[in-house]
């Protein structure tokens, strides 16, 4: 289980699999989270994605739990590890810092830096767009953070094509920090959430795309099957919704066919399909346990044939 960082996003080098941090402080406790982070980085992974809102949706949590766990891990592992990893986090949905008003962005950034126990965020996303705030104000605030050295690169997630285009045009016109990446909801059973106008814009503007929900809440791991009892878990309900559709069952069958041909896991195939799509730099996937990691990290070495890509694309249409 070894991979190298090989995709440039602005000044950052990003590994073929981005480790999702949404499970840290939620379905993975601190010792387990540390073990997952160690195994991921020991295997050559270098990019960790989180958000200030993770995991505010859990009863008893207030947001920032994932960042706190990552910060504790960074502190325990030392500056060498910090210098060799890309930390991505997001602003706009922490209960104490909702939206993208300039003052909110700056306050949220300070809180994220404190929880992460670091002096800079490598990749800072607007988690959800806030259309009540002018693009100029959002970019202006982010640019100030870049100039102060608190943020290295900026990116966007959950944003309409028109607002994304306006943001990029404003940055270009004013010579300010510019989004270098986009994090859309995108996978084999959710293609219309990215393909089309948004994908065309990302390609035209040379944005690196790092899809979230890459495994559709675990559905694309193949552990959910028609006629079989669903495994217990926090995401079982979402995965069961995909299983109830004809398309979901077609995708599962195609995944199994390709996985058998390569003697690998269905999850690896699902991630490899994403990685092969135009504009995609690296998919984001989370591991609740160390045992789940090898199938995810194997995406670095799996190259699907043209026929296999077509089979999966047609099954997911």
Protein backbone atom coordinates (compact mmCIF):
# COMPACT_ATOMS: atom_id res chain seq x y z
CA UNK A 1 0.00 0.00 0.00
CA UNK A 2 2.24 2.76 -1.27
CA UNK A 3 1.52 5.77 -3.45
CA UNK A 4 3.22 8.98 -4.41
CA UNK A 5 1.93 12.54 -4.59
CA UNK A 6 1.69 13.29 -8.25
CA UNK A 7 -0.93 15.93 -9.08
CA UNK A 8 -0.18 19.62 -8.86
CA UNK A 9 -2.92 21.93 -7.59
CA UNK A 10 -1.50 25.42 -7.59
CA UNK A 11 1.62 25.12 -5.44
CA UNK A 12 0.40 21.90 -3.80
CA UNK A 13 1.23 18.29 -4.71
CA UNK A 14 -1.74 16.01 -4.06
CA UNK A 15 -1.76 12.23 -3.83
CA UNK A 16 -4.06 10.04 -5.99
CA UNK A 17 -6.42 9.49 -3.06
CA UNK A 18 -7.47 12.30 -0.72
CA UNK A 19 -8.34 11.01 2.74
CA UNK A 20 -11.72 12.27 3.90
CA UNK A 21 -11.75 13.41 7.52
CA UNK A 22 -15.49 13.54 8.06
CA UNK A 23 -15.41 10.31 10.13
CA UNK A 24 -12.83 11.59 12.63
CA UNK A 25 -14.59 12.41 15.88
CA UNK A 26 -17.77 10.80 14.54
CA UNK A 27 -17.65 7.11 13.58
CA UNK A 28 -13.90 6.87 14.25
CA UNK A 29 -12.68 7.69 17.76
CA UNK A 30 -9.35 9.43 18.36
CA UNK A 31 -7.09 6.32 18.61
CA UNK A 32 -8.67 4.82 15.49
CA UNK A 33 -8.40 8.13 13.65
CA UNK A 34 -4.70 8.33 14.53
CA UNK A 35 -4.19 4.78 13.23
CA UNK A 36 -5.95 5.60 9.95
CA UNK A 37 -3.94 8.81 9.49
CA UNK A 38 -0.70 6.97 10.23
CA UNK A 39 -1.48 4.16 7.80
CA UNK A 40 -2.50 6.61 5.09
CA UNK A 41 0.64 8.73 5.36
CA UNK A 42 2.89 5.70 5.81
CA UNK A 43 1.47 4.44 2.52
CA UNK A 44 2.42 7.65 0.71
CA UNK A 45 -0.86 9.52 1.02
CA UNK A 46 -0.40 13.20 1.71
CA UNK A 47 -3.76 15.02 1.45
CA UNK A 48 -6.33 15.19 4.25
CA UNK A 49 -9.71 16.80 3.68
CA UNK A 50 -11.89 18.09 6.49
CA UNK A 51 -14.24 20.99 7.33
CA UNK A 52 -14.95 23.16 10.35
CA UNK A 53 -18.52 21.81 10.37
CA UNK A 54 -17.47 18.14 10.82
CA UNK A 55 -19.29 16.70 12.73
CA UNK A 56 -21.83 19.21 14.01
CA UNK A 57 -24.71 16.96 12.88
CA UNK A 58 -23.95 14.41 15.62
CA UNK A 59 -25.86 14.82 18.87
CA UNK A 60 -23.55 16.27 21.48
CA UNK A 61 -21.05 17.62 18.95
CA UNK A 62 -20.67 21.30 18.15
CA UNK A 63 -18.52 21.24 15.01
CA UNK A 64 -14.75 21.20 14.72
CA UNK A 65 -14.37 17.66 16.06
CA UNK A 66 -12.59 16.40 12.93
CA UNK A 67 -10.20 19.36 12.83
CA UNK A 68 -9.44 18.83 16.51
CA UNK A 69 -8.52 15.18 15.99
CA UNK A 70 -6.32 16.04 13.01
CA UNK A 71 -4.68 18.83 15.02
CA UNK A 72 -3.92 16.45 17.88
CA UNK A 73 -2.43 13.99 15.40
CA UNK A 74 -0.29 16.68 13.77
CA UNK A 75 0.94 17.83 17.18
CA UNK A 76 1.80 14.28 18.19
CA UNK A 77 3.65 13.51 14.95
CA UNK A 78 5.66 16.73 14.74
CA UNK A 79 6.68 19.33 12.19
CA UNK A 80 8.16 16.87 9.68
CA UNK A 81 4.77 15.24 9.16
CA UNK A 82 3.04 18.63 8.99
CA UNK A 83 5.44 19.81 6.30
CA UNK A 84 4.73 16.71 4.20
CA UNK A 85 0.94 16.76 4.25
CA UNK A 86 -1.65 18.94 2.55
CA UNK A 87 -4.40 19.98 4.96
CA UNK A 88 -7.66 21.04 3.33
CA UNK A 89 -10.55 22.44 5.33
CA UNK A 90 -13.69 24.47 4.69
CA UNK A 91 -15.67 27.48 5.87
CA UNK A 92 -19.40 28.38 5.84
CA UNK A 93 -21.22 25.71 7.85
CA UNK A 94 -19.84 25.72 11.38
CA UNK A 95 -22.75 26.55 13.71
CA UNK A 96 -20.80 29.53 15.08
CA UNK A 97 -19.65 30.73 11.66
CA UNK A 98 -22.45 30.28 9.16
CA UNK A 99 -22.12 31.83 5.71
CA UNK A 100 -19.35 33.69 3.91
CA UNK A 101 -19.41 37.26 5.17
CA UNK A 102 -15.79 38.51 5.29
CA UNK A 103 -15.76 38.71 9.10
CA UNK A 104 -17.17 35.18 9.29
CA UNK A 105 -14.50 33.79 6.95
CA UNK A 106 -11.70 35.39 8.97
CA UNK A 107 -13.05 34.28 12.35
CA UNK A 108 -13.68 30.74 11.10
CA UNK A 109 -10.17 30.55 9.68
CA UNK A 110 -8.66 31.51 13.02
CA UNK A 111 -10.70 28.84 14.79
CA UNK A 112 -9.70 26.22 12.21
CA UNK A 113 -6.02 27.10 12.58
CA UNK A 114 -6.34 26.77 16.36
CA UNK A 115 -8.06 23.39 16.20
CA UNK A 116 -5.64 22.10 13.56
CA UNK A 117 -2.69 23.35 15.62
CA UNK A 118 -1.01 24.79 12.57
CA UNK A 119 -0.04 28.19 11.22
CA UNK A 120 -1.45 27.66 7.73
CA UNK A 121 -4.24 25.90 5.86
CA UNK A 122 -2.95 24.49 2.59
CA UNK A 123 -6.26 24.39 0.72
CA UNK A 124 -9.20 26.45 2.03
CA UNK A 125 -12.64 25.79 0.55
CA UNK A 126 -15.85 27.75 0.66
CA UNK A 127 -17.93 24.77 1.81
CA UNK A 128 -21.25 26.09 0.49
CA UNK A 129 -21.72 29.27 -1.46
CA UNK A 130 -23.48 32.15 0.27
CA UNK A 131 -25.32 34.12 -2.39
CA UNK A 132 -26.23 36.85 0.10
CA UNK A 133 -22.58 37.95 -0.05
CA UNK A 134 -21.03 39.54 -3.11
CA UNK A 135 -18.37 37.52 -4.89
CA UNK A 136 -16.00 40.48 -4.48
CA UNK A 137 -16.35 40.33 -0.70
CA UNK A 138 -15.76 36.58 -0.52
CA UNK A 139 -12.70 36.62 -2.77
CA UNK A 140 -11.41 39.75 -1.05
CA UNK A 141 -11.52 38.08 2.37
CA UNK A 142 -9.88 34.91 1.08
CA UNK A 143 -7.19 36.93 -0.67
CA UNK A 144 -6.35 38.67 2.61
CA UNK A 145 -5.86 35.29 4.28
CA UNK A 146 -3.54 34.23 1.46
CA UNK A 147 -1.53 37.45 1.72
CA UNK A 148 -1.25 36.95 5.50
CA UNK A 149 0.17 33.45 4.94
CA UNK A 150 -2.71 31.76 6.77
CA UNK A 151 -3.97 30.07 3.60
CA UNK A 152 -1.88 28.80 0.70
CA UNK A 153 -4.53 28.07 -1.96
CA UNK A 154 -8.31 28.62 -2.16
CA UNK A 155 -11.04 26.44 -3.61
CA UNK A 156 -14.82 26.10 -3.84
CA UNK A 157 -17.44 23.45 -3.15
CA UNK A 158 -21.20 23.34 -3.65
CA UNK A 159 -21.36 26.39 -5.89
CA UNK A 160 -23.45 27.20 -8.97
CA UNK A 161 -21.59 27.54 -12.30
CA UNK A 162 -22.60 31.20 -12.64
CA UNK A 163 -21.23 32.14 -9.23
CA UNK A 164 -18.06 30.14 -9.80
CA UNK A 165 -17.50 31.87 -13.14
CA UNK A 166 -18.10 35.28 -11.52
CA UNK A 167 -15.60 34.46 -8.77
CA UNK A 168 -12.89 33.40 -11.20
CA UNK A 169 -13.46 36.44 -13.40
CA UNK A 170 -13.25 38.78 -10.40
CA UNK A 171 -9.97 37.20 -9.26
CA UNK A 172 -8.52 37.53 -12.75
CA UNK A 173 -9.68 41.09 -13.17
CA UNK A 174 -8.43 42.29 -9.78
CA UNK A 175 -5.30 40.15 -9.59
CA UNK A 176 -6.46 38.47 -6.36
CA UNK A 177 -6.27 34.88 -5.11
CA UNK A 178 -8.07 32.54 -7.51
CA UNK A 179 -9.84 29.26 -6.89
CA UNK A 180 -7.53 26.43 -7.99
CA UNK A 181 -9.84 23.52 -7.20
CA UNK A 182 -13.47 22.47 -7.04
CA UNK A 183 -15.01 19.85 -4.75
CA UNK A 184 -18.33 18.66 -6.21
CA UNK A 185 -20.64 15.81 -5.24
CA UNK A 186 -19.75 13.28 -7.94
CA UNK A 187 -19.73 9.50 -8.27
CA UNK A 188 -21.06 6.67 -10.41
CA UNK A 189 -24.61 7.03 -9.09
CA UNK A 190 -24.57 10.83 -8.88
CA UNK A 191 -23.27 12.19 -12.15
CA UNK A 192 -25.67 15.06 -12.83
CA UNK A 193 -24.40 16.80 -9.68
CA UNK A 194 -21.22 17.62 -11.63
CA UNK A 195 -21.34 16.66 -15.30
CA UNK A 196 -22.57 19.32 -17.70
CA UNK A 197 -22.13 23.05 -17.18
CA UNK A 198 -20.06 22.77 -13.99
CA UNK A 199 -17.67 20.20 -15.48
CA UNK A 200 -17.28 22.25 -18.65
CA UNK A 201 -16.43 25.32 -16.59
CA UNK A 202 -13.89 23.41 -14.49
CA UNK A 203 -12.21 22.15 -17.64
CA UNK A 204 -12.22 25.56 -19.33
CA UNK A 205 -10.79 27.27 -16.24
CA UNK A 206 -8.24 24.51 -15.47
CA UNK A 207 -9.67 23.77 -12.04
CA UNK A 208 -8.56 20.58 -10.33
CA UNK A 209 -11.61 18.56 -9.29
CA UNK A 210 -11.66 16.52 -6.07
CA UNK A 211 -15.05 14.81 -5.82
CA UNK A 212 -16.70 14.13 -2.47
CA UNK A 213 -19.12 11.24 -1.79
CA UNK A 214 -16.85 9.34 -4.17
CA UNK A 215 -18.23 6.03 -2.86
CA UNK A 216 -21.83 7.20 -2.45
CA UNK A 217 -21.98 6.74 1.34
CA UNK A 218 -20.43 3.29 1.01
CA UNK A 219 -22.83 2.00 -1.64
CA UNK A 220 -20.06 1.71 -4.26
CA UNK A 221 -17.97 -0.52 -1.99
CA UNK A 222 -20.21 -3.41 -2.99
CA UNK A 223 -21.17 -4.31 0.57
CA UNK A 224 -24.84 -3.54 -0.13
CA UNK A 225 -26.51 -6.21 -2.28
CA UNK A 226 -30.08 -6.89 -3.46
CA UNK A 227 -31.81 -9.38 -1.21
CA UNK A 228 -29.14 -9.23 1.48
CA UNK A 229 -29.37 -7.64 4.89
CA UNK A 230 -27.67 -4.24 4.89
CA UNK A 231 -24.67 -3.87 7.18
CA UNK A 232 -25.17 -1.67 10.21
CA UNK A 233 -23.69 1.80 9.96
CA UNK A 234 -24.27 5.53 10.08
CA UNK A 235 -24.77 5.70 6.31
CA UNK A 236 -26.86 2.59 5.69
CA UNK A 237 -30.01 4.59 4.89
CA UNK A 238 -28.39 6.57 2.08
CA UNK A 239 -26.78 3.51 0.54
CA UNK A 240 -30.08 1.60 0.66
CA UNK A 241 -31.72 4.34 -1.43
CA UNK A 242 -29.25 3.69 -4.27
CA UNK A 243 -29.79 -0.06 -3.97
CA UNK A 244 -33.53 0.41 -4.52
CA UNK A 245 -32.98 1.81 -8.03
CA UNK A 246 -32.42 -0.06 -11.28
CA UNK A 247 -29.42 2.13 -12.03
CA UNK A 248 -27.88 1.33 -8.67
CA UNK A 249 -28.16 -2.39 -9.32
CA UNK A 250 -26.72 -1.99 -12.85
CA UNK A 251 -23.75 -0.09 -11.44
CA UNK A 252 -23.15 -2.76 -8.78
CA UNK A 253 -23.16 -5.49 -11.42
CA UNK A 254 -20.71 -3.57 -13.60
CA UNK A 255 -18.44 -2.84 -10.63
CA UNK A 256 -18.34 -6.52 -9.73
CA UNK A 257 -17.52 -7.53 -13.30
CA UNK A 258 -14.58 -5.13 -13.49
CA UNK A 259 -13.41 -5.88 -9.93
CA UNK A 260 -13.34 -9.62 -10.68
CA UNK A 261 -11.30 -9.00 -13.82
CA UNK A 262 -8.68 -7.11 -11.81
CA UNK A 263 -9.03 -9.20 -8.63
CA UNK A 264 -9.60 -6.04 -6.63
CA UNK A 265 -12.34 -4.45 -4.53
CA UNK A 266 -15.39 -2.74 -6.01
CA UNK A 267 -14.42 0.42 -4.12
CA UNK A 268 -11.11 0.54 -5.98
CA UNK A 269 -12.92 0.31 -9.32
CA UNK A 270 -15.42 3.04 -8.39
CA UNK A 271 -12.58 5.37 -7.43
CA UNK A 272 -10.59 4.47 -10.55
CA UNK A 273 -13.58 5.38 -12.75
CA UNK A 274 -13.73 8.78 -11.06
CA UNK A 275 -9.98 9.29 -11.36
CA UNK A 276 -10.20 8.63 -15.10
CA UNK A 277 -12.79 11.36 -15.71
CA UNK A 278 -11.71 14.64 -17.31
CA UNK A 279 -10.67 17.33 -14.80
CA UNK A 280 -10.61 14.94 -11.82
CA UNK A 281 -7.35 15.25 -9.87
CA UNK A 282 -8.13 12.81 -7.08
CA UNK A 283 -11.26 11.41 -5.42
CA UNK A 284 -11.94 11.91 -1.72
CA UNK A 285 -12.82 8.87 0.37
CA UNK A 286 -12.87 8.23 4.08
CA UNK A 287 -11.87 5.15 6.07
CA UNK A 288 -13.48 4.42 9.41
CA UNK A 289 -10.89 1.70 10.13
CA UNK A 290 -7.38 0.89 8.93
CA UNK A 291 -8.74 -2.25 7.25
CA UNK A 292 -10.77 -0.10 4.86
CA UNK A 293 -7.74 1.82 3.60
CA UNK A 294 -5.99 -0.64 1.22
CA UNK A 295 -8.94 -0.81 -1.18
CA UNK A 296 -9.05 2.99 -1.33
CA UNK A 297 -5.33 3.56 -1.77
CA UNK A 298 -5.14 0.91 -4.48
CA UNK A 299 -6.74 3.44 -6.85
CA UNK A 300 -3.23 4.76 -7.48
CA UNK A 301 -2.29 1.56 -9.33
CA UNK A 302 -5.52 0.61 -11.11
CA UNK A 303 -5.89 1.66 -14.73
CA UNK A 304 -9.20 0.69 -16.31
CA UNK A 305 -9.39 -0.20 -19.98
CA UNK A 306 -11.46 1.83 -22.42
CA UNK A 307 -14.00 -1.01 -22.49
CA UNK A 308 -14.23 -1.14 -18.71
CA UNK A 309 -14.73 2.60 -18.46
CA UNK A 310 -17.46 2.40 -21.10
CA UNK A 311 -19.19 -0.45 -19.24
CA UNK A 312 -19.29 1.55 -16.02
CA UNK A 313 -20.31 4.77 -17.74
CA UNK A 314 -23.17 3.10 -19.58
CA UNK A 315 -24.35 1.26 -16.46
CA UNK A 316 -24.50 4.55 -14.58
CA UNK A 317 -26.30 6.50 -17.31
